[in-house]
């Protein structure tokens, strides 16, 4: 076999032709199982199968990585949302307790003012049913 033609743009057709034949994107006059690329021992069918298997493996690895990353991101978002929810609930509890304290303080102040007005103008103090002043 002669190797005078450019290696990238020629093929050998099994045992029928001993020279490197040119091709563009198909192999004219030769079965795919007989096509040999670059060197006589490299079978195109085997190359196609090997490249397809490698591409499939890489695709499965890529899809697995994407799924793993999506699951990790989802778990991170859930944990972050839970933490923010707990922080919000804690802040709301603090505000609620503060409002309750202010409310009870204002209620006591109003009752003291009302009692001072009653004393000032000589009105009777409020009595509970058992007879004690409220």
Protein backbone atom coordinates (compact mmCIF):
# COMPACT_ATOMS: atom_id res chain seq x y z
CA UNK A 1 0.00 0.00 0.00
CA UNK A 2 1.25 3.46 -0.76
CA UNK A 3 0.99 6.37 1.67
CA UNK A 4 1.58 9.27 -0.72
CA UNK A 5 -1.86 10.94 -0.41
CA UNK A 6 -2.66 13.33 2.46
CA UNK A 7 -3.66 11.27 5.48
CA UNK A 8 -6.65 13.37 6.60
CA UNK A 9 -8.51 13.27 3.28
CA UNK A 10 -8.21 9.70 2.07
CA UNK A 11 -9.34 6.20 2.99
CA UNK A 12 -8.50 2.62 2.14
CA UNK A 13 -11.21 0.23 0.98
CA UNK A 14 -10.52 -3.11 2.66
CA UNK A 15 -8.41 -5.46 0.56
CA UNK A 16 -9.80 -4.41 -2.86
CA UNK A 17 -7.84 -1.20 -3.36
CA UNK A 18 -4.21 -0.76 -2.34
CA UNK A 19 -4.13 3.01 -2.59
CA UNK A 20 -5.57 5.84 -0.50
CA UNK A 21 -8.83 7.06 -2.07
CA UNK A 22 -10.08 10.66 -1.61
CA UNK A 23 -13.40 11.44 0.10
CA UNK A 24 -15.42 14.48 1.15
CA UNK A 25 -17.95 13.23 3.71
CA UNK A 26 -18.89 9.78 2.36
CA UNK A 27 -16.98 6.74 1.07
CA UNK A 28 -17.83 6.19 -2.62
CA UNK A 29 -17.74 2.61 -3.91
CA UNK A 30 -16.90 0.96 -0.58
CA UNK A 31 -18.94 -0.71 2.17
CA UNK A 32 -18.67 0.93 5.60
CA UNK A 33 -17.36 -2.31 7.12
CA UNK A 34 -14.44 -2.32 4.62
CA UNK A 35 -13.41 1.32 5.08
CA UNK A 36 -10.05 1.86 6.77
CA UNK A 37 -9.03 5.37 7.82
CA UNK A 38 -5.50 6.83 7.83
CA UNK A 39 -3.80 3.49 8.49
CA UNK A 40 -4.83 0.15 7.14
CA UNK A 41 -5.68 -1.28 10.57
CA UNK A 42 -8.11 1.49 11.70
CA UNK A 43 -11.65 0.37 10.81
CA UNK A 44 -14.17 3.23 10.43
CA UNK A 45 -17.01 1.10 11.89
CA UNK A 46 -14.98 0.54 15.03
CA UNK A 47 -14.12 4.24 15.24
CA UNK A 48 -17.81 5.18 14.91
CA UNK A 49 -18.79 2.69 17.63
CA UNK A 50 -16.02 3.79 20.00
CA UNK A 51 -16.77 7.50 19.49
CA UNK A 52 -20.50 6.86 20.03
CA UNK A 53 -19.86 4.93 23.25
CA UNK A 54 -17.51 7.62 24.57
CA UNK A 55 -20.02 10.35 23.66
CA UNK A 56 -22.79 8.39 25.43
CA UNK A 57 -20.69 7.95 28.56
CA UNK A 58 -19.79 11.64 28.59
CA UNK A 59 -23.45 12.56 28.12
CA UNK A 60 -24.50 10.34 31.05
CA UNK A 61 -21.76 11.86 33.23
CA UNK A 62 -22.83 15.39 32.25
CA UNK A 63 -26.51 14.68 32.96
CA UNK A 64 -25.58 13.10 36.30
CA UNK A 65 -23.53 16.16 37.25
CA UNK A 66 -26.38 18.50 36.30
CA UNK A 67 -28.88 16.47 38.35
CA UNK A 68 -26.52 16.36 41.33
CA UNK A 69 -25.94 20.12 41.18
CA UNK A 70 -29.67 20.82 40.88
CA UNK A 71 -30.43 18.63 43.90
CA UNK A 72 -27.69 20.33 45.93
CA UNK A 73 -28.97 23.78 44.96
CA UNK A 74 -32.53 22.80 45.86
CA UNK A 75 -31.41 21.49 49.26
CA UNK A 76 -29.40 24.68 49.85
CA UNK A 77 -32.40 26.85 48.92
CA UNK A 78 -34.63 24.86 51.29
CA UNK A 79 -32.16 25.19 54.15
CA UNK A 80 -31.72 28.91 53.49
CA UNK A 81 -35.48 29.47 53.30
CA UNK A 82 -35.98 27.54 56.54
CA UNK A 83 -33.30 29.59 58.27
CA UNK A 84 -34.83 32.85 57.00
CA UNK A 85 -38.28 31.66 58.14
CA UNK A 86 -36.99 30.88 61.62
CA UNK A 87 -35.30 34.28 61.79
CA UNK A 88 -38.52 36.00 60.66
CA UNK A 89 -40.58 34.06 63.23
CA UNK A 90 -38.13 34.98 65.99
CA UNK A 91 -38.31 38.66 65.02
CA UNK A 92 -42.11 38.50 64.97
CA UNK A 93 -42.15 36.93 68.44
CA UNK A 94 -39.91 39.72 69.74
CA UNK A 95 -42.16 42.38 68.21
CA UNK A 96 -45.27 40.68 69.59
CA UNK A 97 -43.77 40.51 73.11
CA UNK A 98 -42.71 44.16 72.89
CA UNK A 99 -46.19 45.21 71.75
CA UNK A 100 -47.75 43.21 74.58
CA UNK A 101 -45.47 44.92 77.12
CA UNK A 102 -46.28 48.37 75.73
CA UNK A 103 -49.99 47.54 75.76
CA UNK A 104 -49.95 46.43 79.40
CA UNK A 105 -47.88 49.51 80.36
CA UNK A 106 -50.33 51.87 78.63
CA UNK A 107 -53.28 50.08 80.23
CA UNK A 108 -51.77 50.55 83.69
CA UNK A 109 -51.03 54.24 82.95
CA UNK A 110 -54.63 54.82 81.82
CA UNK A 111 -55.98 53.14 84.93
CA UNK A 112 -53.68 55.27 87.14
CA UNK A 113 -54.79 58.47 85.36
CA UNK A 114 -58.42 57.47 85.72
CA UNK A 115 -57.91 56.72 89.41
CA UNK A 116 -56.14 60.07 89.94
CA UNK A 117 -59.10 61.89 88.28
CA UNK A 118 -61.52 60.04 90.53
CA UNK A 119 -59.53 61.01 93.60
CA UNK A 120 -59.18 64.63 92.39
CA UNK A 121 -62.91 65.09 91.78
CA UNK A 122 -64.11 62.92 94.66
CA UNK A 123 -65.70 60.20 92.56
CA UNK A 124 -66.03 56.72 94.00
CA UNK A 125 -63.34 54.25 92.99
CA UNK A 126 -64.22 51.24 90.94
CA UNK A 127 -64.99 48.24 93.05
CA UNK A 128 -64.84 44.61 92.14
CA UNK A 129 -67.79 42.34 93.05
CA UNK A 130 -65.97 41.18 96.21
CA UNK A 131 -65.68 44.80 97.46
CA UNK A 132 -62.02 45.51 96.74
CA UNK A 133 -60.95 48.49 94.61
CA UNK A 134 -59.83 47.60 91.12
